[in-house]
Amino acid sequence: MKKLSLFAFGFVLFGTQAFAAETTYTMEEAVKKALLDNRSIISAQKSAEASKSALYSARGAFGPSVTASYAVSHDPYSDFQKSLLQGKDLDETTYTFGVEVRQPLFQGFQLLNNAQKAKLQSEYDELQLKKTNIAVANQVQTAFLQFLMAEESVQSAEKAVRRADEQRAIATEGYQIGVRPKIDVLQAEYELSSSEARLIENENNLNSVRAQLNSFLNLPVEKDVDYVGKLDSVPFMITFEEAVKKAFVQLPDVKMAEKSMNMAEKDMGIALGTFLPRIDGIIQYMSTGRNGMTDEDLRSHGYDPSLYVTSPLENTTIGLQATMNVFNSGQDFFKVRQAKHGVDALKAQVELAYNNAALNVKVSLLKLQDAARTVDVSTRALDSARQSYDDAKTRYEYQIGTNLEMLTAQSDLADAELAYISSKANYLISLSNLYAALGEINASLNTK
């Protein structure tokens, strides 16, 4: 019994540790988990696989096709035909079996264009998958950083509550010994209530961000997952020219625009192919027989075998078939014009994709630079707010300063702490956005 208890205790201990390990993620682990299990990515993966199947199907159109047919027909003779054949019942059944082998020899380049378009579509969907990966990684990093920001905001709010409670205690003590007015106590209690309300708001925000992050990782939104990390600034220096070159090479949007234009060009080739003939090589085999009973079977039923065809008739033909659409009231002509206009429109979209890529890089760089400067400003502001709070607290305790000075310094410190936390998170979020604008995934946001 003791051994069983020790075993159960060990199972609970190690099982609890394993469970804790499964519900703890760093930023890098969270991004990798999302890239494996996020539903948007899985959907994009299935679309890419479907495109590959379509490509194999288009390539298969170059090979031969084989069709087989089998038919059974019953052809009763008329009374007149029966009288000519001495009244014999010559109702007959015909069995026909056929096989056709067709090999495309020339299809007006339509097969080639279809195959090339299918290849481009497959490459397009692979790029769409990469784009989805980048977007999901950026979403997870943003939510993760917002979680860390919310977590530090809760800690800051808890400090503010403790400071407010300490100030309320000092004001109450001063009132009780007659050195402070009642209004100091009331103002301190109001400040404490306000700090507690902000704490509740930050705790709700923390739970909301955790639920959103869970959904990105395909985890139950109510699961209490622990996301661990720090809002430490990561130095990142890159010139605009270098960033734009990277974006033009790596960004899926640019390449997707080019693939769309190339597919439109293949559509135009398919439309032009309708003006050319189509040539197929054909081999046909046909076997036709009647009844299906042997001579012995016919005799056993009282029929004369000489009046029936019991051996099948076989025929094999080999030939070429050429077809060409001569006139269809301008349908093909306008399809070609439609395809040409589609190509011209997508050429403009390619130029727009390059312009948008450069614009996104520029905006992301500016936001990152502004965020870095904001971190410096908020750091200095926090230092000043702490010194101001310490000075106001000392002055109040020695009955030199007023309660208003103390409450103002206390509120300013709380605001400065939140601004500092927000600036650190915004810098890292801006860095994640810049990587997304460059077409890269940096799961940990560490400088490579």
Protein backbone atom coordinates (compact mmCIF):
# COMPACT_ATOMS: atom_id res chain seq x y z
CA MET A 1 0.00 0.00 0.00
CA LYS A 2 2.91 2.31 0.79
CA LYS A 3 4.53 1.60 -2.59
CA LEU A 4 1.27 2.43 -4.33
CA SER A 5 1.01 5.71 -2.42
CA LEU A 6 4.56 6.67 -3.37
CA PHE A 7 3.82 5.81 -7.00
CA ALA A 8 0.65 7.91 -6.96
CA PHE A 9 2.52 10.81 -5.35
CA GLY A 10 5.24 10.63 -8.02
CA PHE A 11 2.66 10.47 -10.78
CA VAL A 12 0.87 13.54 -9.41
CA LEU A 13 4.13 15.43 -8.99
CA PHE A 14 5.59 14.72 -12.38
CA GLY A 15 2.21 14.83 -14.09
CA THR A 16 1.66 18.32 -12.68
CA GLN A 17 5.08 19.42 -13.90
CA ALA A 18 4.38 18.03 -17.36
CA PHE A 19 1.03 19.80 -17.47
CA ALA A 20 2.67 23.06 -16.42
CA ALA A 21 5.29 22.64 -19.13
CA GLU A 22 2.60 22.11 -21.76
CA THR A 23 0.80 25.32 -20.80
CA THR A 24 3.85 27.60 -20.74
CA TYR A 25 5.05 29.31 -23.90
CA THR A 26 7.78 31.75 -24.75
CA MET A 27 7.23 34.01 -27.74
CA GLU A 28 9.26 31.75 -30.00
CA GLU A 29 7.39 28.65 -28.82
CA ALA A 30 4.03 30.38 -29.27
CA VAL A 31 4.87 31.39 -32.85
CA LYS A 32 6.04 27.87 -33.71
CA LYS A 33 2.89 26.38 -32.16
CA ALA A 34 0.70 28.73 -34.19
CA LEU A 35 2.57 27.93 -37.42
CA LEU A 36 1.74 24.27 -36.85
CA ASP A 37 -1.83 24.43 -35.55
CA ASN A 38 -3.40 27.72 -36.59
CA ARG A 39 -6.56 27.06 -38.63
CA SER A 40 -5.80 29.80 -41.16
CA ILE A 41 -2.44 28.23 -41.95
CA ILE A 42 -3.92 24.75 -42.23
CA SER A 43 -6.54 26.11 -44.65
CA ALA A 44 -3.79 27.71 -46.76
CA GLN A 45 -1.82 24.44 -46.70
CA LYS A 46 -4.81 22.50 -48.02
CA SER A 47 -5.31 25.07 -50.79
CA ALA A 48 -1.65 24.67 -51.78
CA GLU A 49 -2.05 20.89 -51.86
CA ALA A 50 -5.18 21.23 -54.00
CA SER A 51 -3.23 23.39 -56.48
CA LYS A 52 -0.54 20.72 -56.73
CA SER A 53 -3.21 18.14 -57.57
CA ALA A 54 -4.59 20.49 -60.23
CA LEU A 55 -1.07 20.79 -61.67
CA TYR A 56 -0.69 17.00 -61.90
CA SER A 57 -4.11 16.83 -63.56
CA ALA A 58 -3.11 19.44 -66.16
CA ARG A 59 0.10 17.55 -66.92
CA GLY A 60 -1.90 14.34 -67.31
CA ALA A 61 -3.81 15.92 -70.20
CA PHE A 62 -0.70 15.49 -72.38
CA GLY A 63 -0.96 11.70 -72.16
CA PRO A 64 -3.34 9.32 -73.89
CA SER A 65 -6.85 8.65 -72.70
CA VAL A 66 -8.61 5.29 -72.92
CA THR A 67 -12.36 4.90 -72.96
CA ALA A 68 -14.28 1.64 -72.98
CA SER A 69 -17.94 1.02 -73.75
CA TYR A 70 -20.27 -1.95 -73.54
CA ALA A 71 -23.84 -2.06 -74.79
CA VAL A 72 -26.64 -4.61 -74.88
CA SER A 73 -29.65 -4.16 -77.17
CA HIS A 74 -32.64 -6.42 -77.84
CA ASP A 75 -34.04 -6.28 -81.40
CA PRO A 76 -37.21 -8.34 -81.89
CA TYR A 77 -38.03 -9.33 -85.45
CA SER A 78 -41.40 -8.44 -86.98
CA ASP A 79 -44.01 -11.04 -87.94
CA PHE A 80 -43.12 -10.53 -91.61
CA GLN A 81 -39.43 -11.23 -90.94
CA LYS A 82 -40.38 -14.33 -88.98
CA SER A 83 -42.55 -15.63 -91.86
CA LEU A 84 -39.61 -15.24 -94.25
CA LEU A 85 -37.51 -17.37 -91.94
CA GLN A 86 -40.05 -20.19 -91.70
CA GLY A 87 -41.67 -18.87 -88.55
CA LYS A 88 -38.64 -19.21 -86.38
CA ASP A 89 -38.54 -16.88 -83.39
CA LEU A 90 -35.47 -14.84 -84.23
CA ASP A 91 -35.66 -12.23 -81.48
CA GLU A 92 -31.98 -11.43 -81.00
CA THR A 93 -29.80 -9.64 -78.47
CA THR A 94 -26.75 -7.67 -79.68
CA TYR A 95 -23.67 -7.24 -77.50
CA THR A 96 -21.26 -4.46 -78.43
CA PHE A 97 -17.88 -3.83 -76.81
CA GLY A 98 -15.60 -0.94 -77.83
CA VAL A 99 -12.29 0.61 -76.78
CA GLU A 100 -10.90 3.95 -77.95
CA VAL A 101 -7.38 5.25 -77.33
CA ARG A 102 -6.99 8.98 -78.02
CA GLN A 103 -3.63 10.77 -77.94
CA PRO A 104 -3.63 14.57 -78.22
CA LEU A 105 -1.04 15.63 -80.81
CA PHE A 106 -1.75 19.35 -81.06
CA GLN A 107 -4.33 21.37 -79.15
CA GLY A 108 -3.49 24.91 -80.23
CA PHE A 109 -1.02 25.18 -77.32
CA GLN A 110 -3.98 25.05 -74.93
CA LEU A 111 -2.66 22.02 -73.06
CA LEU A 112 0.72 23.70 -72.63
CA ASN A 113 -0.83 26.95 -71.44
CA ASN A 114 -3.17 25.11 -69.07
CA ALA A 115 -0.26 23.21 -67.55
CA GLN A 116 1.83 26.37 -67.18
CA LYS A 117 -1.11 28.22 -65.64
CA ALA A 118 -1.65 25.36 -63.18
CA LYS A 119 2.03 25.54 -62.23
CA LEU A 120 1.73 29.29 -61.66
CA GLN A 121 -1.41 28.74 -59.57
CA SER A 122 0.44 26.19 -57.46
CA GLU A 123 3.29 28.67 -56.93
CA TYR A 124 0.76 31.41 -56.15
CA ASP A 125 -0.88 29.29 -53.45
CA GLU A 126 2.53 28.46 -51.97
CA LEU A 127 3.15 32.20 -51.74
CA GLN A 128 -0.29 32.62 -50.17
CA LEU A 129 0.72 30.03 -47.58
CA LYS A 130 3.92 31.97 -46.87
CA LYS A 131 1.92 35.19 -46.59
CA THR A 132 -0.47 33.53 -44.14
CA ASN A 133 2.46 32.26 -42.08
CA ILE A 134 3.91 35.78 -41.89
CA ALA A 135 0.55 37.29 -40.96
CA VAL A 136 -0.15 34.70 -38.25
CA ALA A 137 3.36 35.07 -36.80
CA ASN A 138 2.85 38.84 -36.67
CA GLN A 139 -0.56 38.42 -35.03
CA VAL A 140 0.81 36.01 -32.42
CA GLN A 141 3.77 38.27 -31.63
CA THR A 142 1.50 41.31 -31.33
CA ALA A 143 -0.91 39.47 -29.03
CA PHE A 144 1.99 38.01 -27.04
CA LEU A 145 3.52 41.46 -26.50
CA GLN A 146 0.12 42.85 -25.58
CA PHE A 147 -0.16 40.04 -23.02
CA LEU A 148 3.22 40.94 -21.51
CA MET A 149 2.17 44.58 -21.51
CA ALA A 150 -1.10 43.71 -19.78
CA GLU A 151 0.75 41.53 -17.28
CA GLU A 152 3.19 44.32 -16.39
CA SER A 153 0.27 46.76 -16.28
CA VAL A 154 -1.42 44.54 -13.68
CA GLN A 155 1.79 44.51 -11.65
CA SER A 156 2.03 48.30 -11.95
CA ALA A 157 -1.62 48.66 -10.93
CA GLU A 158 -0.98 46.44 -7.90
CA LYS A 159 1.92 48.73 -6.91
CA ALA A 160 -0.38 51.73 -7.33
CA VAL A 161 -2.96 50.08 -5.06
CA ARG A 162 -0.29 49.43 -2.42
CA ARG A 163 0.92 53.04 -2.64
CA ALA A 164 -2.63 54.34 -2.39
CA ASP A 165 -3.35 52.07 0.56
CA GLU A 166 -0.15 53.23 2.27
CA GLN A 167 -1.10 56.85 1.68
CA ARG A 168 -4.59 56.21 3.06
CA ALA A 169 -3.04 54.69 6.18
CA ILE A 170 -0.73 57.70 6.65
CA ALA A 171 -3.60 60.16 6.14
CA THR A 172 -5.82 58.20 8.57
CA GLU A 173 -3.11 58.14 11.19
CA GLY A 174 -2.50 61.87 10.76
CA TYR A 175 -6.22 62.55 11.12
CA GLN A 176 -6.48 60.43 14.24
CA ILE A 177 -3.72 62.36 15.99
CA GLY A 178 -5.17 65.67 14.79
CA VAL A 179 -2.45 66.81 12.40
CA ARG A 180 -4.37 66.11 9.18
CA PRO A 181 -7.88 67.12 8.11
CA LYS A 182 -10.64 64.63 7.31
CA ILE A 183 -10.50 65.59 3.64
CA ASP A 184 -7.03 64.03 3.35
CA VAL A 185 -8.48 60.71 4.44
CA LEU A 186 -11.40 60.97 2.01
CA GLN A 187 -9.14 61.92 -0.91
CA ALA A 188 -6.79 59.05 -0.08
CA GLU A 189 -9.71 56.61 0.05
CA TYR A 190 -10.97 57.88 -3.30
CA GLU A 191 -7.51 57.43 -4.81
CA LEU A 192 -7.38 53.89 -3.41
CA SER A 193 -10.77 53.07 -4.95
CA SER A 194 -9.67 54.49 -8.30
CA SER A 195 -6.46 52.42 -8.19
CA GLU A 196 -8.43 49.26 -7.39
CA ALA A 197 -10.77 49.97 -10.32
CA ARG A 198 -7.78 50.36 -12.67
CA LEU A 199 -6.39 47.08 -11.34
CA ILE A 200 -9.65 45.29 -12.12
CA GLU A 201 -9.67 46.80 -15.62
CA ASN A 202 -6.09 45.66 -16.26
CA GLU A 203 -6.82 42.16 -14.97
CA ASN A 204 -9.81 41.88 -17.34
CA ASN A 205 -7.65 43.08 -20.20
CA LEU A 206 -5.01 40.48 -19.32
CA ASN A 207 -7.59 37.68 -19.45
CA SER A 208 -8.98 38.97 -22.75
CA VAL A 209 -5.55 39.08 -24.39
CA ARG A 210 -4.77 35.58 -23.09
CA ALA A 211 -7.99 34.26 -24.65
CA GLN A 212 -7.12 35.90 -27.98
CA LEU A 213 -3.62 34.46 -27.89
CA ASN A 214 -5.02 31.03 -27.07
CA SER A 215 -7.25 31.19 -30.15
CA PHE A 216 -4.26 31.96 -32.38
CA LEU A 217 -2.55 28.84 -31.03
CA ASN A 218 -5.70 26.73 -31.46
CA LEU A 219 -6.03 26.30 -27.69
CA PRO A 220 -9.25 26.54 -25.66
CA VAL A 221 -9.87 30.22 -25.01
CA GLU A 222 -10.67 29.53 -21.34
CA LYS A 223 -7.39 27.66 -20.74
CA ASP A 224 -5.09 29.33 -18.22
CA VAL A 225 -1.92 29.38 -20.33
CA ASP A 226 1.20 31.09 -19.01
CA TYR A 227 3.06 33.16 -21.60
CA VAL A 228 6.49 34.13 -20.33
CA GLY A 229 8.86 36.80 -21.57
CA LYS A 230 10.17 40.31 -21.02
CA LEU A 231 9.59 43.60 -22.77
CA ASP A 232 13.28 44.16 -23.37
CA SER A 233 14.13 46.44 -26.31
CA VAL A 234 16.05 44.74 -29.13
CA PRO A 235 18.40 46.98 -31.14
CA PHE A 236 17.69 46.82 -34.86
CA MET A 237 19.35 48.97 -37.48
CA ILE A 238 18.63 48.84 -41.20
CA THR A 239 18.60 51.49 -43.89
CA PHE A 240 15.54 52.14 -46.01
CA GLU A 241 17.37 51.02 -49.17
CA GLU A 242 18.38 47.70 -47.61
CA ALA A 243 14.87 47.14 -46.27
CA VAL A 244 13.24 47.80 -49.65
CA LYS A 245 15.60 45.40 -51.42
CA LYS A 246 14.73 42.71 -48.90
CA ALA A 247 11.01 43.36 -49.27
CA PHE A 248 11.14 43.17 -53.07
CA VAL A 249 12.91 39.80 -52.88
CA GLN A 250 11.08 38.22 -49.94
CA LEU A 251 7.61 39.74 -49.71
CA PRO A 252 4.92 37.32 -50.98
CA ASP A 253 2.58 40.12 -52.09
CA VAL A 254 4.98 41.30 -54.80
CA LYS A 255 5.57 37.82 -56.19
CA MET A 256 1.86 36.99 -55.97
CA ALA A 257 1.06 40.03 -58.13
CA GLU A 258 3.59 38.85 -60.70
CA LYS A 259 2.15 35.32 -60.68
CA SER A 260 -1.35 36.72 -61.23
CA MET A 261 -0.12 38.65 -64.26
CA ASN A 262 1.63 35.55 -65.62
CA MET A 263 -1.54 33.49 -65.21
CA ALA A 264 -3.48 36.15 -67.12
CA GLU A 265 -0.94 35.84 -69.94
CA LYS A 266 -1.56 32.10 -70.04
CA ASP A 267 -5.30 32.77 -70.21
CA MET A 268 -4.65 34.91 -73.25
CA GLY A 269 -2.62 32.07 -74.79
CA ILE A 270 -5.51 29.68 -74.14
CA ALA A 271 -7.93 32.11 -75.82
CA LEU A 272 -5.63 32.48 -78.85
CA GLY A 273 -5.43 28.69 -79.12
CA THR A 274 -9.10 28.51 -80.10
CA PHE A 275 -8.13 29.87 -83.56
CA LEU A 276 -5.84 26.89 -84.21
CA PRO A 277 -6.82 23.34 -85.18
CA ARG A 278 -6.86 20.44 -82.76
CA ILE A 279 -5.34 17.14 -83.86
CA ASP A 280 -5.77 13.80 -82.09
CA GLY A 281 -4.44 10.35 -82.88
CA ILE A 282 -7.16 7.71 -82.47
CA ILE A 283 -7.15 3.92 -82.23
CA GLN A 284 -10.57 2.25 -82.07
CA TYR A 285 -11.49 -1.37 -81.50
CA MET A 286 -15.08 -2.62 -81.84
CA SER A 287 -16.48 -6.08 -81.23
CA THR A 288 -20.15 -6.89 -82.03
CA GLY A 289 -21.87 -10.21 -81.35
CA ARG A 290 -25.41 -11.53 -81.08
CA ASN A 291 -27.10 -13.66 -78.47
CA GLY A 292 -24.12 -14.97 -76.60
CA MET A 293 -25.23 -18.62 -76.74
CA THR A 294 -23.13 -21.37 -78.32
CA ASP A 295 -24.40 -23.62 -81.13
CA GLU A 296 -25.11 -26.35 -78.60
CA ASP A 297 -27.17 -23.94 -76.47
CA LEU A 298 -29.21 -22.93 -79.52
CA ARG A 299 -29.86 -26.53 -80.54
CA SER A 300 -30.92 -27.43 -77.00
CA HIS A 301 -33.57 -24.70 -77.23
CA GLY A 302 -34.78 -25.86 -80.65
CA TYR A 303 -33.11 -23.09 -82.70
CA ASP A 304 -31.17 -23.49 -85.93
CA PRO A 305 -27.61 -22.19 -85.29
CA SER A 306 -27.24 -21.22 -88.95
CA LEU A 307 -29.79 -18.48 -88.45
CA TYR A 308 -27.81 -16.79 -85.69
CA VAL A 309 -24.53 -14.91 -85.52
CA THR A 310 -22.70 -16.45 -82.56
CA SER A 311 -19.11 -15.36 -83.31
CA PRO A 312 -18.43 -11.63 -82.65
CA LEU A 313 -17.48 -9.33 -85.50
CA GLU A 314 -14.27 -7.38 -84.73
CA ASN A 315 -12.96 -4.22 -86.28
CA THR A 316 -9.87 -2.06 -85.51
CA THR A 317 -9.25 1.41 -86.98
CA ILE A 318 -6.28 3.79 -86.69
CA GLY A 319 -6.52 7.40 -87.76
CA LEU A 320 -6.09 11.12 -87.15
CA GLN A 321 -8.84 13.55 -86.25
CA ALA A 322 -8.51 17.29 -86.85
CA THR A 323 -11.12 19.79 -85.73
CA MET A 324 -11.17 23.56 -85.99
CA ASN A 325 -13.65 26.20 -84.96
CA VAL A 326 -14.32 28.22 -88.10
CA PHE A 327 -16.91 30.73 -86.89
CA ASN A 328 -18.70 31.35 -83.59
CA SER A 329 -20.01 34.90 -83.96
CA GLY A 330 -16.95 36.59 -82.46
CA GLN A 331 -16.93 34.77 -79.12
CA ASP A 332 -13.27 33.72 -79.36
CA PHE A 333 -12.19 37.12 -80.66
CA PHE A 334 -13.66 38.96 -77.69
CA LYS A 335 -12.31 36.38 -75.26
CA VAL A 336 -8.83 37.22 -76.53
CA ARG A 337 -9.51 40.94 -76.07
CA GLN A 338 -10.84 40.30 -72.58
CA ALA A 339 -7.70 38.34 -71.68
CA LYS A 340 -5.45 41.08 -73.07
CA HIS A 341 -7.16 43.76 -71.00
CA GLY A 342 -6.83 41.48 -67.97
CA VAL A 343 -3.07 41.26 -68.53
CA ASP A 344 -2.78 45.06 -68.80
CA ALA A 345 -4.76 45.51 -65.60
CA LEU A 346 -2.56 43.08 -63.68
CA LYS A 347 0.59 44.77 -64.93
CA ALA A 348 -0.63 47.88 -63.16
CA GLN A 349 -1.30 45.75 -60.06
CA VAL A 350 2.31 44.56 -60.10
CA GLU A 351 3.56 48.15 -60.09
CA LEU A 352 1.12 48.93 -57.28
CA ALA A 353 2.40 45.94 -55.27
CA TYR A 354 5.98 47.25 -55.52
CA ASN A 355 4.87 50.74 -54.48
CA ASN A 356 2.85 49.40 -51.54
CA ALA A 357 5.79 47.26 -50.42
CA ALA A 358 8.10 50.28 -50.38
CA LEU A 359 5.47 52.36 -48.59
CA ASN A 360 4.89 49.73 -45.89
CA VAL A 361 8.62 49.43 -45.30
CA LYS A 362 8.98 53.19 -44.97
CA VAL A 363 6.05 53.52 -42.57
CA SER A 364 7.22 50.54 -40.49
CA LEU A 365 10.73 51.99 -40.23
CA LEU A 366 9.43 55.39 -39.15
CA LYS A 367 7.16 53.82 -36.52
CA LEU A 368 10.05 51.74 -35.19
CA GLN A 369 12.28 54.82 -34.94
CA ASP A 370 9.52 56.80 -33.22
CA ALA A 371 8.89 53.91 -30.82
CA ALA A 372 12.60 53.79 -29.92
CA ARG A 373 12.60 57.51 -29.12
CA THR A 374 9.40 57.10 -27.11
CA VAL A 375 11.09 54.43 -24.97
CA ASP A 376 13.88 56.89 -24.15
CA VAL A 377 11.41 59.66 -23.31
CA SER A 378 9.21 57.42 -21.16
CA THR A 379 12.28 56.11 -19.32
CA ARG A 380 13.31 59.62 -18.34
CA ALA A 381 9.73 60.51 -17.43
CA LEU A 382 9.48 57.45 -15.19
CA ASP A 383 12.70 58.37 -13.39
CA SER A 384 11.38 61.89 -12.81
CA ALA A 385 8.00 60.60 -11.60
CA ARG A 386 9.68 58.26 -9.11
CA GLN A 387 11.86 61.04 -7.72
CA SER A 388 8.84 63.34 -7.54
CA TYR A 389 6.83 60.68 -5.70
CA ASP A 390 9.61 59.97 -3.23
CA ASP A 391 10.03 63.71 -2.56
CA ALA A 392 6.28 64.28 -2.17
CA LYS A 393 5.99 61.28 0.15
CA THR A 394 8.84 62.51 2.34
CA ARG A 395 7.42 66.03 2.45
CA TYR A 396 3.97 64.71 3.37
CA GLU A 397 5.30 62.45 6.12
CA TYR A 398 7.17 65.40 7.65
CA GLN A 399 4.02 67.54 7.28
CA ILE A 400 5.73 69.93 4.88
CA GLY A 401 3.86 68.94 1.73
CA THR A 402 0.15 68.83 1.05
CA ASN A 403 -2.09 65.86 0.37
CA LEU A 404 -2.78 67.20 -3.12
CA GLU A 405 0.93 67.15 -3.95
CA MET A 406 1.16 63.59 -2.69
CA LEU A 407 -1.86 62.35 -4.66
CA THR A 408 -0.69 64.14 -7.82
CA ALA A 409 2.78 62.60 -7.57
CA GLN A 410 1.20 59.22 -6.90
CA SER A 411 -1.06 59.48 -9.96
CA ASP A 412 1.79 60.75 -12.13
CA LEU A 413 3.96 57.80 -11.12
CA ALA A 414 1.21 55.33 -12.02
CA ASP A 415 0.72 57.02 -15.41
CA ALA A 416 4.49 57.10 -16.03
CA GLU A 417 4.81 53.39 -15.27
CA LEU A 418 2.01 52.51 -17.68
CA ALA A 419 3.46 54.81 -20.36
CA TYR A 420 6.88 53.17 -19.94
CA ILE A 421 5.38 49.67 -20.22
CA SER A 422 3.34 50.71 -23.25
CA SER A 423 6.38 52.25 -24.98
CA LYS A 424 8.42 49.06 -24.56
CA ALA A 425 5.61 46.92 -25.95
CA ASN A 426 4.95 49.30 -28.85
CA TYR A 427 8.63 49.22 -29.81
CA LEU A 428 8.62 45.42 -30.05
CA ILE A 429 5.27 45.41 -31.85
CA SER A 430 6.72 47.90 -34.36
CA LEU A 431 9.72 45.60 -34.80
CA SER A 432 7.40 42.65 -35.48
CA ASN A 433 5.48 44.75 -38.02
CA LEU A 434 8.74 45.67 -39.74
CA TYR A 435 9.72 42.02 -40.09
CA ALA A 436 6.29 41.34 -41.58
CA ALA A 437 6.78 44.24 -44.03
CA LEU A 438 10.11 42.68 -45.05
CA GLY A 439 8.49 39.28 -45.63
CA GLU A 440 10.38 37.63 -42.76
CA ILE A 441 9.46 35.61 -39.68
CA ASN A 442 11.65 36.17 -36.63
CA ALA A 443 9.90 34.09 -33.99
CA SER A 444 11.84 35.49 -31.01
CA LEU A 445 12.46 39.01 -32.41
CA ASN A 446 16.10 38.62 -31.45
CA THR A 447 18.62 40.35 -33.69
CA LYS A 448 20.03 37.84 -36.14
